[in-house]
Structure formats: C-alpha cells, structure tokens
Amino acid sequence: MVQRLSTVTCPVTTHVIDLKGLSAPLPADLHYDMADPYAIRLSLGAPTMRPVDWVFARELLTEGLRRPTGSGDVLVMPRHHPHPHSLRVVLRNPAGTAVIEMAMSEVATFLQQTFGLVPDGEECLHVDLDRSISELTGRRA
C-alpha cells in the first residue's frame, strides 16, 4: 500500500466472476485522494493496459464490508458462501455487468488508511467548493 500526504493507493488482485461462477484474476488499484474526500476509485486492469475506472462513495465501500448495500451502478456486499473472506462488488452500465471479488482484509486495511487521512464525518472540511463549482460550470476559479 502506498500512502502519500494526501492519497492512499492499494494494489489488489480482484477476481472477475463470469455467468457460470468461474473466476479469473484481474489486477486492480483502490485509490483515495483527499481532494475528493467522499470518493473511492477502483481502477481495473493491468498497469500496461488502459484501466477501467469506477468512482463511488467511500461510505458505500465501508458499509459493504458489513452488509449488502448500494443501488444502481454499484452494489457492494460481503460474501458468506463459498468465499467468506471476500467482498463482492457488482458494477453495472449500459454495456453490461461485471462482478468483482476482492479480499475483505485488503479493503478494510485500505479504508483504515483513508480514515487516517480524513476521518468519517470530516469529509466536508476537505472539499474545495470553488474548484468543484468551476468543474461543474467549466469556468476557472
């Protein structure tokens, strides 16, 4: 796990589950940046390839360690059978659905590091509102 002053990155090996329940390993990174304190980025794919990025709430990933949560494009749930120590993330878009599994211990360690940077409930203290408005409107601050 790499931690800089304002970011945490954790390389993880995920497993993509196909329709028959068979899995294939896929390298990935979990990334957190204080500049976007509510979000986690999951980058799927080898570093030599162009990764596919999914951005979703840190709270969603945290809650997913305890119970199934989410709706819409991203669902997160702990696995109980046959892999009780894994976390399942379901990613959906108009092109299809991907089911990803990763070790709960790796995700929990990653989240612990993110909360070391920005404690739960203090995210609003790290939001750059001027930058956010500029990004939404396409104007420079």
Protein backbone atom coordinates (compact mmCIF):
# COMPACT_ATOMS: atom_id res chain seq x y z
CA MET A 1 0.00 0.00 0.00
CA VAL A 2 1.30 3.44 -0.94
CA GLN A 3 0.35 6.44 1.16
CA ARG A 4 1.36 9.97 0.33
CA LEU A 5 0.37 13.01 2.33
CA SER A 6 -2.97 13.33 0.56
CA THR A 7 -3.58 9.98 -1.17
CA VAL A 8 -3.74 6.28 -0.47
CA THR A 9 -3.31 3.67 -3.21
CA CYS A 10 -3.65 -0.05 -2.63
CA PRO A 11 -2.88 -2.58 -5.36
CA VAL A 12 -5.24 -5.55 -5.09
CA THR A 13 -5.87 -8.68 -7.09
CA THR A 14 -9.52 -8.90 -7.92
CA HIS A 15 -11.35 -11.83 -9.42
CA VAL A 16 -13.88 -11.30 -12.17
CA ILE A 17 -16.75 -13.79 -11.90
CA ASP A 18 -18.42 -14.97 -15.10
CA LEU A 19 -22.00 -16.18 -15.59
CA LYS A 20 -21.01 -19.77 -14.75
CA GLY A 21 -19.42 -18.70 -11.46
CA LEU A 22 -15.85 -19.20 -12.68
CA SER A 23 -13.33 -16.54 -11.76
CA ALA A 24 -10.28 -15.04 -13.42
CA PRO A 25 -7.72 -12.82 -11.65
CA LEU A 26 -7.55 -9.17 -12.65
CA PRO A 27 -5.07 -6.66 -11.19
CA ALA A 28 -6.62 -3.51 -9.74
CA ASP A 29 -5.90 -0.48 -7.58
CA LEU A 30 -8.03 1.13 -4.92
CA HIS A 31 -7.30 4.84 -4.75
CA TYR A 32 -8.33 7.61 -2.36
CA ASP A 33 -7.49 11.29 -2.69
CA MET A 34 -8.23 13.97 -0.08
CA ALA A 35 -9.11 16.33 -2.94
CA ASP A 36 -12.26 14.21 -3.44
CA PRO A 37 -12.84 13.08 0.16
CA TYR A 38 -16.16 11.29 -0.37
CA ALA A 39 -14.96 9.07 -3.22
CA ILE A 40 -13.01 5.89 -3.86
CA ARG A 41 -11.65 4.99 -7.30
CA LEU A 42 -11.36 1.35 -8.34
CA SER A 43 -9.08 1.00 -11.39
CA LEU A 44 -9.38 -2.39 -13.06
CA GLY A 45 -6.75 -3.74 -15.43
CA ALA A 46 -3.02 -4.23 -15.72
CA PRO A 47 -0.83 -1.10 -15.48
CA THR A 48 0.34 -1.66 -19.06
CA MET A 49 -3.27 -1.56 -20.26
CA ARG A 50 -5.65 1.35 -20.11
CA PRO A 51 -7.50 0.69 -16.83
CA VAL A 52 -11.24 0.95 -16.44
CA ASP A 53 -12.07 3.32 -13.57
CA TRP A 54 -15.14 3.22 -11.36
CA VAL A 55 -15.69 6.00 -8.83
CA PHE A 56 -18.11 5.54 -5.98
CA ALA A 57 -18.69 6.61 -2.39
CA ARG A 58 -16.22 5.65 0.33
CA GLU A 59 -19.26 5.16 2.57
CA LEU A 60 -20.63 2.57 0.12
CA LEU A 61 -17.43 0.51 0.28
CA THR A 62 -17.28 0.86 4.08
CA GLU A 63 -20.89 -0.21 4.60
CA GLY A 64 -20.43 -3.07 2.12
CA LEU A 65 -17.93 -4.70 4.48
CA ARG A 66 -20.81 -5.28 6.94
CA ARG A 67 -23.92 -5.77 4.83
CA PRO A 68 -25.17 -5.63 1.24
CA THR A 69 -25.55 -2.03 0.15
CA GLY A 70 -25.88 0.17 -2.90
CA SER A 71 -28.26 0.61 -5.78
CA GLY A 72 -27.95 1.47 -9.41
CA ASP A 73 -24.49 1.17 -10.93
CA VAL A 74 -22.55 -0.11 -7.90
CA LEU A 75 -23.55 -2.73 -5.33
CA VAL A 76 -21.21 -3.90 -2.57
CA MET A 77 -21.72 -6.93 -0.37
CA PRO A 78 -19.75 -9.19 1.92
CA ARG A 79 -19.58 -12.79 0.74
CA HIS A 80 -20.67 -15.55 3.03
CA HIS A 81 -20.50 -18.61 0.81
CA PRO A 82 -18.31 -20.01 -0.74
CA HIS A 83 -15.73 -17.24 -0.07
CA PRO A 84 -16.49 -15.84 3.39
CA HIS A 85 -13.44 -13.54 3.46
CA SER A 86 -14.13 -11.74 0.22
CA LEU A 87 -16.05 -8.66 -0.77
CA ARG A 88 -18.20 -8.69 -3.89
CA VAL A 89 -18.66 -5.54 -5.97
CA VAL A 90 -21.23 -5.55 -8.78
CA LEU A 91 -20.57 -2.90 -11.44
CA ARG A 92 -23.29 -2.12 -13.98
CA ASN A 93 -23.51 0.14 -17.00
CA PRO A 94 -25.46 0.06 -20.29
CA ALA A 95 -22.81 -2.24 -21.80
CA GLY A 96 -23.27 -4.93 -19.15
CA THR A 97 -22.50 -6.09 -15.65
CA ALA A 98 -19.22 -7.13 -14.03
CA VAL A 99 -18.95 -9.00 -10.74
CA ILE A 100 -15.65 -8.42 -8.93
CA GLU A 101 -14.39 -10.10 -5.77
CA MET A 102 -11.51 -8.96 -3.59
CA ALA A 103 -10.15 -9.83 -0.16
CA MET A 104 -12.06 -8.10 2.65
CA SER A 105 -8.85 -7.72 4.65
CA GLU A 106 -7.20 -5.70 1.86
CA VAL A 107 -10.24 -3.46 1.52
CA ALA A 108 -10.51 -2.97 5.30
CA THR A 109 -6.82 -2.02 5.55
CA PHE A 110 -7.20 0.40 2.65
CA LEU A 111 -10.26 2.03 4.23
CA GLN A 112 -8.48 2.32 7.58
CA GLN A 113 -5.71 4.27 5.82
CA THR A 114 -8.26 6.59 4.16
CA PHE A 115 -9.89 7.32 7.51
CA GLY A 116 -6.43 8.13 8.84
CA LEU A 117 -6.27 10.92 6.24
CA VAL A 118 -9.88 12.09 6.50
CA PRO A 119 -11.89 10.79 9.46
CA ASP A 120 -15.50 9.77 8.92
CA GLY A 121 -17.73 12.82 9.16
CA GLU A 122 -14.93 15.29 8.39
CA GLU A 123 -15.05 15.00 4.60
CA CYS A 124 -16.77 18.38 4.26
CA LEU A 125 -13.70 20.05 5.76
CA HIS A 126 -11.63 18.91 2.77
CA VAL A 127 -13.95 19.86 -0.08
CA ASP A 128 -12.68 22.70 -2.27
CA LEU A 129 -16.03 24.26 -3.10
CA ASP A 130 -14.60 26.81 -5.54
CA ARG A 131 -12.84 24.04 -7.51
CA SER A 132 -16.00 21.92 -7.53
CA ILE A 133 -18.13 24.78 -8.86
CA SER A 134 -15.51 25.53 -11.51
CA GLU A 135 -15.51 21.89 -12.63
CA LEU A 136 -19.32 21.80 -12.79
CA THR A 137 -19.62 25.06 -14.73
CA GLY A 138 -16.50 24.67 -16.87
CA ARG A 139 -15.18 28.01 -15.64
CA ARG A 140 -11.88 28.79 -13.97
CA ALA A 141 -11.94 29.94 -10.37
